[in-house]
């Protein structure tokens, strides 16, 4: 994984890169000082880095049962003020430095997978919608470090059942029918994300439709229904076009503003 250095030169090899638009929104919310749970959730739910940081912090709280599995529960347990401070510790890649990872694709894949997973889980009336969202937004962290996503998440203290869903959604366990329904949601959502990300979208679409039939044969219209719900006008998909690597100047400006807000 890429190493991030803060302004003091310290290194953190474990942090994920935050989506720049999410970092900007976090700074804006902290400046206004009038932010509720719903507003903060809306600002960070598309940012894998913020989601992971909040879950990890909530996990260290006493009597935080379930707060390390749901983003909403984590924010509620920590309180908006503390949750904002956690999110203000973001790290950003620099567009002017050599890049060994396609961050834009990683963020878009994470955002799309999470958006589709929530839609699928909602269509199935799942009670695990919030936890499925967390697993979906973190499902592809392996893209950054070239390893197994589930193993990496397990090493970061992510709840065991979420890691199991991620692991099952990637391979043989799902194919053999050993996966939880949540893992099937993640697998189908990831397939639908690839339709948008791969140039051979027609092939991806055919594969995704076949996957939907295999996983959810009793709901044959599931794939077309979700694609219809999350069309090009959906806010989650509109956010894709706004993702850019920040310039060094913009990155340093955000760091300065975030540092000042953390100290205030």
Protein backbone atom coordinates (compact mmCIF):
# COMPACT_ATOMS: atom_id res chain seq x y z
CA UNK A 1 0.00 0.00 0.00
CA UNK A 2 1.10 3.53 -0.64
CA UNK A 3 2.75 5.28 2.32
CA UNK A 4 1.36 8.66 3.39
CA UNK A 5 3.42 11.31 5.16
CA UNK A 6 1.85 14.17 7.07
CA UNK A 7 3.31 17.66 7.34
CA UNK A 8 5.57 16.59 10.20
CA UNK A 9 7.01 13.80 8.08
CA UNK A 10 5.53 10.98 10.15
CA UNK A 11 4.48 7.86 8.29
CA UNK A 12 1.31 5.80 8.55
CA UNK A 13 1.32 2.70 6.37
CA UNK A 14 -2.13 1.58 7.47
CA UNK A 15 -4.32 4.52 6.49
CA UNK A 16 -6.42 4.46 3.35
CA UNK A 17 -6.48 7.40 0.93
CA UNK A 18 -9.58 9.55 1.41
CA UNK A 19 -11.74 10.58 -1.52
CA UNK A 20 -10.78 14.27 -2.03
CA UNK A 21 -14.40 15.42 -2.35
CA UNK A 22 -15.21 13.72 0.96
CA UNK A 23 -12.23 15.41 2.64
CA UNK A 24 -13.42 18.81 1.40
CA UNK A 25 -16.93 18.15 2.69
CA UNK A 26 -15.62 17.03 6.09
CA UNK A 27 -13.67 20.28 6.43
CA UNK A 28 -16.76 22.29 5.47
CA UNK A 29 -18.90 20.52 8.07
CA UNK A 30 -16.30 21.05 10.79
CA UNK A 31 -16.09 24.76 9.94
CA UNK A 32 -19.84 25.30 10.20
CA UNK A 33 -20.04 23.47 13.56
CA UNK A 34 -23.69 22.65 12.91
CA UNK A 35 -23.71 19.05 11.86
CA UNK A 36 -25.94 16.14 12.75
CA UNK A 37 -25.50 12.38 12.41
CA UNK A 38 -27.35 12.29 9.08
CA UNK A 39 -25.24 15.08 7.59
CA UNK A 40 -21.98 13.48 8.66
CA UNK A 41 -23.10 10.07 7.38
CA UNK A 42 -23.94 11.65 4.03
CA UNK A 43 -20.50 13.26 3.86
CA UNK A 44 -18.45 10.16 4.67
CA UNK A 45 -20.45 7.13 3.54
CA UNK A 46 -18.79 7.20 0.09
CA UNK A 47 -15.26 7.38 1.54
CA UNK A 48 -13.71 4.01 2.46
CA UNK A 49 -11.01 5.72 4.54
CA UNK A 50 -13.46 7.60 6.76
CA UNK A 51 -15.68 4.54 7.14
CA UNK A 52 -12.75 2.40 8.29
CA UNK A 53 -11.39 5.06 10.66
CA UNK A 54 -14.77 5.51 12.33
CA UNK A 55 -15.30 1.77 12.75
CA UNK A 56 -11.83 1.33 14.23
CA UNK A 57 -12.34 4.18 16.69
CA UNK A 58 -15.80 2.97 17.70
CA UNK A 59 -14.41 -0.51 18.27
CA UNK A 60 -12.10 0.85 20.95
CA UNK A 61 -15.03 2.38 22.87
CA UNK A 62 -16.48 0.56 25.83
CA UNK A 63 -20.03 -0.73 25.49
CA UNK A 64 -19.83 -0.13 21.73
CA UNK A 65 -21.62 -3.31 20.74
CA UNK A 66 -22.42 -3.20 17.03
CA UNK A 67 -20.81 0.22 16.55
CA UNK A 68 -17.86 -1.32 14.71
CA UNK A 69 -20.13 -2.94 12.11
CA UNK A 70 -22.39 -0.04 11.10
CA UNK A 71 -21.31 3.43 10.03
CA UNK A 72 -24.42 5.05 11.49
CA UNK A 73 -23.93 3.23 14.80
CA UNK A 74 -20.26 4.23 14.91
CA UNK A 75 -21.08 7.92 14.46
CA UNK A 76 -23.85 7.69 17.04
CA UNK A 77 -21.59 5.98 19.57
CA UNK A 78 -18.71 8.41 19.10
CA UNK A 79 -20.85 11.53 18.87
CA UNK A 80 -20.68 13.91 15.93
CA UNK A 81 -17.93 16.08 17.40
CA UNK A 82 -15.52 13.21 18.03
CA UNK A 83 -16.45 11.50 14.75
CA UNK A 84 -15.63 14.70 12.87
CA UNK A 85 -12.22 14.89 14.55
CA UNK A 86 -11.54 11.30 13.49
CA UNK A 87 -12.47 12.11 9.89
CA UNK A 88 -10.28 15.24 9.92
CA UNK A 89 -7.25 12.93 10.17
CA UNK A 90 -7.65 12.14 6.45
CA UNK A 91 -4.71 11.50 4.10
CA UNK A 92 -4.71 12.37 0.41
CA UNK A 93 -2.55 11.24 -2.54
CA UNK A 94 -0.63 13.92 -4.42
CA UNK A 95 -1.36 14.26 -8.14
CA UNK A 96 2.21 15.47 -8.78
CA UNK A 97 3.90 12.44 -7.25
CA UNK A 98 4.47 9.17 -9.15
CA UNK A 99 1.36 7.05 -8.69
CA UNK A 100 1.59 3.28 -8.56
CA UNK A 101 -2.10 2.77 -7.90
CA UNK A 102 -5.10 3.93 -9.92
CA UNK A 103 -6.81 5.75 -7.05
CA UNK A 104 -9.59 7.12 -9.25
CA UNK A 105 -10.63 3.64 -10.34
CA UNK A 106 -10.33 2.35 -6.77
CA UNK A 107 -12.62 5.09 -5.42
CA UNK A 108 -15.11 4.72 -8.26
CA UNK A 109 -15.23 0.96 -7.83
CA UNK A 110 -15.78 1.31 -4.07
CA UNK A 111 -18.49 3.95 -4.53
CA UNK A 112 -20.36 2.00 -7.19
CA UNK A 113 -20.15 -1.30 -5.31
CA UNK A 114 -21.51 0.32 -2.16
CA UNK A 115 -24.31 2.11 -4.03
CA UNK A 116 -25.43 -1.06 -5.79
CA UNK A 117 -25.10 -3.17 -2.64
CA UNK A 118 -27.41 -0.82 -0.74
CA UNK A 119 -29.93 -0.92 -3.59
CA UNK A 120 -29.83 -4.71 -3.82
CA UNK A 121 -30.08 -5.15 -0.05
CA UNK A 122 -33.01 -2.72 -0.01
CA UNK A 123 -34.72 -4.62 -2.82
CA UNK A 124 -34.33 -7.81 -0.79
CA UNK A 125 -35.54 -6.02 2.35
CA UNK A 126 -32.41 -7.01 4.18
CA UNK A 127 -32.05 -6.09 7.84
CA UNK A 128 -28.29 -5.87 7.32
CA UNK A 129 -28.37 -2.90 4.94
CA UNK A 130 -25.98 -0.71 6.99
CA UNK A 131 -23.49 -3.53 7.55
CA UNK A 132 -23.69 -4.57 3.90
CA UNK A 133 -22.86 -1.00 2.94
CA UNK A 134 -19.75 -1.07 5.14
CA UNK A 135 -18.59 -4.39 3.69
CA UNK A 136 -19.23 -3.13 0.16
CA UNK A 137 -17.35 0.17 0.48
CA UNK A 138 -14.36 -1.72 1.93
CA UNK A 139 -14.60 -4.79 -0.32
CA UNK A 140 -11.86 -3.81 -2.74
CA UNK A 141 -9.09 -2.45 -0.49
CA UNK A 142 -6.96 -5.22 -1.99
CA UNK A 143 -6.76 -3.04 -5.12
CA UNK A 144 -4.39 -0.77 -3.18
CA UNK A 145 -1.96 -3.26 -1.73
CA UNK A 146 -2.19 -6.23 -4.05
CA UNK A 147 -3.32 -8.59 -1.31
CA UNK A 148 -6.49 -10.24 -0.05
CA UNK A 149 -9.06 -7.65 1.02
CA UNK A 150 -10.61 -9.80 3.75
CA UNK A 151 -7.24 -10.64 5.31
CA UNK A 152 -6.22 -6.97 5.31
CA UNK A 153 -9.51 -5.88 6.87
CA UNK A 154 -9.21 -8.59 9.50
CA UNK A 155 -5.78 -7.21 10.38
CA UNK A 156 -7.33 -3.76 10.80
CA UNK A 157 -9.82 -5.05 13.35
CA UNK A 158 -12.91 -5.04 11.13
CA UNK A 159 -15.71 -7.23 12.51
CA UNK A 160 -15.29 -10.92 11.69
CA UNK A 161 -18.68 -11.32 10.01
CA UNK A 162 -17.99 -8.39 7.67
CA UNK A 163 -14.62 -9.90 6.74
CA UNK A 164 -16.36 -13.23 6.11
CA UNK A 165 -18.84 -11.55 3.76
CA UNK A 166 -16.03 -9.87 1.84
CA UNK A 167 -14.09 -13.12 1.58
CA UNK A 168 -17.10 -15.11 0.43
CA UNK A 169 -18.08 -12.49 -2.15
CA UNK A 170 -14.78 -12.91 -3.98
CA UNK A 171 -14.63 -16.54 -4.91
CA UNK A 172 -15.12 -20.26 -4.38
CA UNK A 173 -17.12 -19.97 -1.16
CA UNK A 174 -19.84 -18.03 -2.97
CA UNK A 175 -19.77 -20.31 -6.01
CA UNK A 176 -20.28 -23.34 -3.78
CA UNK A 177 -23.25 -21.76 -2.06
CA UNK A 178 -21.43 -21.28 1.23
CA UNK A 179 -21.82 -17.51 1.25
CA UNK A 180 -24.33 -15.53 3.30
CA UNK A 181 -26.99 -13.59 1.39
CA UNK A 182 -24.94 -10.49 2.18
CA UNK A 183 -21.96 -11.96 0.33
CA UNK A 184 -24.20 -12.55 -2.68
CA UNK A 185 -25.28 -8.88 -2.54
CA UNK A 186 -21.62 -7.82 -2.51
CA UNK A 187 -20.71 -10.09 -5.41
CA UNK A 188 -23.56 -8.88 -7.60
CA UNK A 189 -22.91 -5.24 -6.68
CA UNK A 190 -19.25 -5.62 -7.63
CA UNK A 191 -20.26 -7.13 -10.96
CA UNK A 192 -22.61 -4.24 -11.65
CA UNK A 193 -19.83 -1.77 -10.82
CA UNK A 194 -17.62 -3.41 -13.44
CA UNK A 195 -20.22 -2.70 -16.11
CA UNK A 196 -19.47 0.99 -15.63
CA UNK A 197 -15.70 0.60 -15.21
CA UNK A 198 -14.73 -1.83 -17.96
CA UNK A 199 -14.57 -0.83 -21.64
CA UNK A 200 -16.19 -4.14 -22.67
CA UNK A 201 -19.37 -3.20 -20.80
CA UNK A 202 -21.60 -5.43 -22.92
CA UNK A 203 -19.66 -8.51 -21.83
CA UNK A 204 -19.74 -7.30 -18.22
CA UNK A 205 -23.48 -6.72 -18.45
CA UNK A 206 -24.13 -10.23 -19.76
CA UNK A 207 -21.95 -11.72 -17.00
CA UNK A 208 -23.70 -9.65 -14.35
CA UNK A 209 -27.15 -10.68 -15.54
CA UNK A 210 -26.10 -14.32 -15.44
CA UNK A 211 -24.68 -13.82 -11.93
CA UNK A 212 -27.94 -12.22 -10.77
CA UNK A 213 -29.91 -15.18 -12.11
CA UNK A 214 -27.58 -17.68 -10.43
CA UNK A 215 -27.54 -15.92 -7.05
CA UNK A 216 -31.13 -14.67 -6.94
CA UNK A 217 -33.00 -16.86 -9.36
CA UNK A 218 -36.30 -16.27 -7.57
CA UNK A 219 -36.04 -12.55 -8.40
CA UNK A 220 -35.13 -12.56 -12.10
CA UNK A 221 -35.75 -8.82 -12.50
CA UNK A 222 -33.35 -7.86 -9.71
CA UNK A 223 -30.46 -6.79 -11.92
CA UNK A 224 -32.55 -4.64 -14.27
CA UNK A 225 -34.44 -3.16 -11.31
CA UNK A 226 -31.27 -2.04 -9.55
CA UNK A 227 -29.75 -0.64 -12.74
CA UNK A 228 -32.97 1.31 -13.23
CA UNK A 229 -32.94 2.70 -9.69
CA UNK A 230 -29.32 3.78 -9.94
CA UNK A 231 -29.36 5.38 -13.34
CA UNK A 232 -26.96 8.11 -14.49
CA UNK A 233 -28.93 10.76 -12.58
CA UNK A 234 -28.50 9.13 -9.18
CA UNK A 235 -26.41 11.18 -6.76
CA UNK A 236 -24.06 8.29 -6.05
CA UNK A 237 -23.17 8.04 -9.73
CA UNK A 238 -22.98 11.79 -10.25
CA UNK A 239 -20.31 11.82 -7.55
CA UNK A 240 -18.06 9.73 -9.80
CA UNK A 241 -17.44 12.63 -12.17
CA UNK A 242 -16.30 14.86 -9.31
CA UNK A 243 -13.47 12.62 -8.14
CA UNK A 244 -10.05 14.04 -8.98
CA UNK A 245 -6.59 13.73 -7.50
CA UNK A 246 -5.86 17.00 -5.68
CA UNK A 247 -2.94 19.21 -6.66
CA UNK A 248 -0.19 19.57 -4.08
CA UNK A 249 -1.41 23.08 -3.30
CA UNK A 250 -4.99 21.94 -2.74
CA UNK A 251 -3.85 18.98 -0.66
CA UNK A 252 -1.66 21.12 1.61
CA UNK A 253 -4.46 23.68 1.96
CA UNK A 254 -6.86 20.98 3.11
CA UNK A 255 -4.28 19.65 5.57
CA UNK A 256 -3.77 23.11 7.07
CA UNK A 257 -7.48 23.73 7.44
CA UNK A 258 -8.06 20.28 8.95
CA UNK A 259 -5.18 20.73 11.43
CA UNK A 260 -6.55 24.10 12.56
CA UNK A 261 -9.99 22.60 13.05
CA UNK A 262 -8.64 19.67 15.06
CA UNK A 263 -6.90 22.10 17.43
CA UNK A 264 -9.91 24.42 17.85
